[in-house]
Amino acid sequence: LGDGSSIKQVAKNRRPIFFIHGEKDTFVPTQMVYKNYQAAKGKKELWVVPGAKHAKSFATRPAQYQKKVKDFLNRYL
């Protein structure tokens, strides 16, 4: 098996990446997304979703989620 460090793996990526993380996530600490974001070398964006728990970003703010993802894809595809 390979290295399990998300930071090391993200650092290898050169493609655009959009980090979406719930502000109230207690499963994956929110501070982790900032470390991954800093490690990314290519074009990148970050959205910490206010009030969202783990894997609930879309459910918490569906319209905003759809718009942000669509805008990101339109920018980089």
C-alpha atoms as a PDB file:
ATOM      1  CA  LEU A   1       0.000   0.000   0.000  1.00  0.00           C
ATOM      2  CA  GLY A   2       1.046   3.561  -0.649  1.00  0.00           C
ATOM      3  CA  ASP A   3       1.475   6.505   1.643  1.00  0.00           C
ATOM      4  CA  GLY A   4      -1.748   7.374   3.480  1.00  0.00           C
ATOM      5  CA  SER A   5      -0.885  11.018   4.110  1.00  0.00           C
ATOM      6  CA  SER A   6      -3.432  13.243   2.406  1.00  0.00           C
ATOM      7  CA  ILE A   7      -0.988  16.147   2.534  1.00  0.00           C
ATOM      8  CA  LYS A   8       1.694  14.213   0.634  1.00  0.00           C
ATOM      9  CA  GLN A   9      -0.822  12.949  -1.905  1.00  0.00           C
ATOM     10  CA  VAL A  10      -2.378  16.375  -2.500  1.00  0.00           C
ATOM     11  CA  ALA A  11       1.112  17.854  -2.961  1.00  0.00           C
ATOM     12  CA  LYS A  12       1.625  15.494  -5.925  1.00  0.00           C
ATOM     13  CA  ASN A  13      -1.487  16.782  -7.696  1.00  0.00           C
ATOM     14  CA  ARG A  14      -1.101  19.475 -10.366  1.00  0.00           C
ATOM     15  CA  ARG A  15      -4.713  19.628 -11.513  1.00  0.00           C
ATOM     16  CA  PRO A  16      -7.239  22.186 -10.243  1.00  0.00           C
ATOM     17  CA  ILE A  17      -8.756  21.101  -6.947  1.00  0.00           C
ATOM     18  CA  PHE A  18     -11.741  22.413  -5.019  1.00  0.00           C
ATOM     19  CA  PHE A  19     -11.714  21.690  -1.296  1.00  0.00           C
ATOM     20  CA  ILE A  20     -15.147  21.674   0.345  1.00  0.00           C
ATOM     21  CA  HIS A  21     -15.259  21.080   4.078  1.00  0.00           C
ATOM     22  CA  GLY A  22     -17.942  21.411   6.727  1.00  0.00           C
ATOM     23  CA  GLU A  23     -17.226  23.962   9.430  1.00  0.00           C
ATOM     24  CA  LYS A  24     -18.823  21.698  12.058  1.00  0.00           C
ATOM     25  CA  ASP A  25     -17.117  18.479  10.901  1.00  0.00           C
ATOM     26  CA  THR A  26     -16.014  16.500  13.954  1.00  0.00           C
ATOM     27  CA  PHE A  27     -14.957  13.387  11.995  1.00  0.00           C
ATOM     28  CA  VAL A  28     -12.265  15.123   9.912  1.00  0.00           C
ATOM     29  CA  PRO A  29     -11.078  18.209  11.810  1.00  0.00           C
ATOM     30  CA  THR A  30     -11.561  21.408   9.832  1.00  0.00           C
ATOM     31  CA  GLN A  31      -7.905  22.346  10.392  1.00  0.00           C
ATOM     32  CA  MET A  32      -6.985  19.423   8.112  1.00  0.00           C
ATOM     33  CA  VAL A  33      -8.505  21.072   5.044  1.00  0.00           C
ATOM     34  CA  TYR A  34      -6.273  24.106   5.551  1.00  0.00           C
ATOM     35  CA  LYS A  35      -3.174  21.884   5.596  1.00  0.00           C
ATOM     36  CA  ASN A  36      -4.300  20.110   2.431  1.00  0.00           C
ATOM     37  CA  TYR A  37      -5.088  23.422   0.760  1.00  0.00           C
ATOM     38  CA  GLN A  38      -1.615  24.749   1.562  1.00  0.00           C
ATOM     39  CA  ALA A  39      -0.031  21.566   0.199  1.00  0.00           C
ATOM     40  CA  ALA A  40      -1.797  21.821  -3.170  1.00  0.00           C
ATOM     41  CA  LYS A  41       0.534  23.154  -5.857  1.00  0.00           C
ATOM     42  CA  GLY A  42      -1.884  23.810  -8.696  1.00  0.00           C
ATOM     43  CA  LYS A  43      -4.908  26.042  -9.035  1.00  0.00           C
ATOM     44  CA  LYS A  44      -7.064  25.609  -5.975  1.00  0.00           C
ATOM     45  CA  GLU A  45     -10.099  26.904  -4.175  1.00  0.00           C
ATOM     46  CA  LEU A  46     -11.425  26.361  -0.680  1.00  0.00           C
ATOM     47  CA  TRP A  47     -14.912  26.639   0.748  1.00  0.00           C
ATOM     48  CA  VAL A  48     -15.540  25.917   4.417  1.00  0.00           C
ATOM     49  CA  VAL A  49     -19.299  25.510   4.594  1.00  0.00           C
ATOM     50  CA  PRO A  50     -20.796  27.350   7.568  1.00  0.00           C
ATOM     51  CA  GLY A  51     -22.725  25.053   9.898  1.00  0.00           C
ATOM     52  CA  ALA A  52     -22.083  21.875   7.874  1.00  0.00           C
ATOM     53  CA  LYS A  53     -21.165  18.626   9.603  1.00  0.00           C
ATOM     54  CA  HIS A  54     -19.178  15.775   8.033  1.00  0.00           C
ATOM     55  CA  ALA A  55     -20.410  14.988   4.495  1.00  0.00           C
ATOM     56  CA  LYS A  56     -23.335  17.403   4.924  1.00  0.00           C
ATOM     57  CA  SER A  57     -22.101  20.400   2.943  1.00  0.00           C
ATOM     58  CA  PHE A  58     -24.576  19.850   0.112  1.00  0.00           C
ATOM     59  CA  ALA A  59     -27.478  19.167   2.484  1.00  0.00           C
ATOM     60  CA  THR A  60     -26.644  22.284   4.509  1.00  0.00           C
ATOM     61  CA  ARG A  61     -26.410  24.729   1.587  1.00  0.00           C
ATOM     62  CA  PRO A  62     -27.569  22.991  -1.614  1.00  0.00           C
ATOM     63  CA  ALA A  63     -28.041  26.033  -3.858  1.00  0.00           C
ATOM     64  CA  GLN A  64     -24.735  27.592  -2.857  1.00  0.00           C
ATOM     65  CA  TYR A  65     -22.981  24.212  -3.195  1.00  0.00           C
ATOM     66  CA  GLN A  66     -24.292  23.714  -6.729  1.00  0.00           C
ATOM     67  CA  LYS A  67     -23.302  27.227  -7.778  1.00  0.00           C
ATOM     68  CA  LYS A  68     -19.800  26.990  -6.352  1.00  0.00           C
ATOM     69  CA  VAL A  69     -19.130  23.591  -7.945  1.00  0.00           C
ATOM     70  CA  LYS A  70     -20.563  24.735 -11.289  1.00  0.00           C
ATOM     71  CA  ASP A  71     -18.465  27.914 -11.218  1.00  0.00           C
ATOM     72  CA  PHE A  72     -15.325  25.927 -10.384  1.00  0.00           C
ATOM     73  CA  LEU A  73     -15.931  23.459 -13.207  1.00  0.00           C
ATOM     74  CA  ASN A  74     -16.644  26.265 -15.673  1.00  0.00           C
ATOM     75  CA  ARG A  75     -13.370  27.939 -14.710  1.00  0.00           C
ATOM     76  CA  TYR A  76     -11.159  24.893 -15.084  1.00  0.00           C
ATOM     77  CA  LEU A  77     -12.769  22.542 -17.626  1.00  0.00           C
END
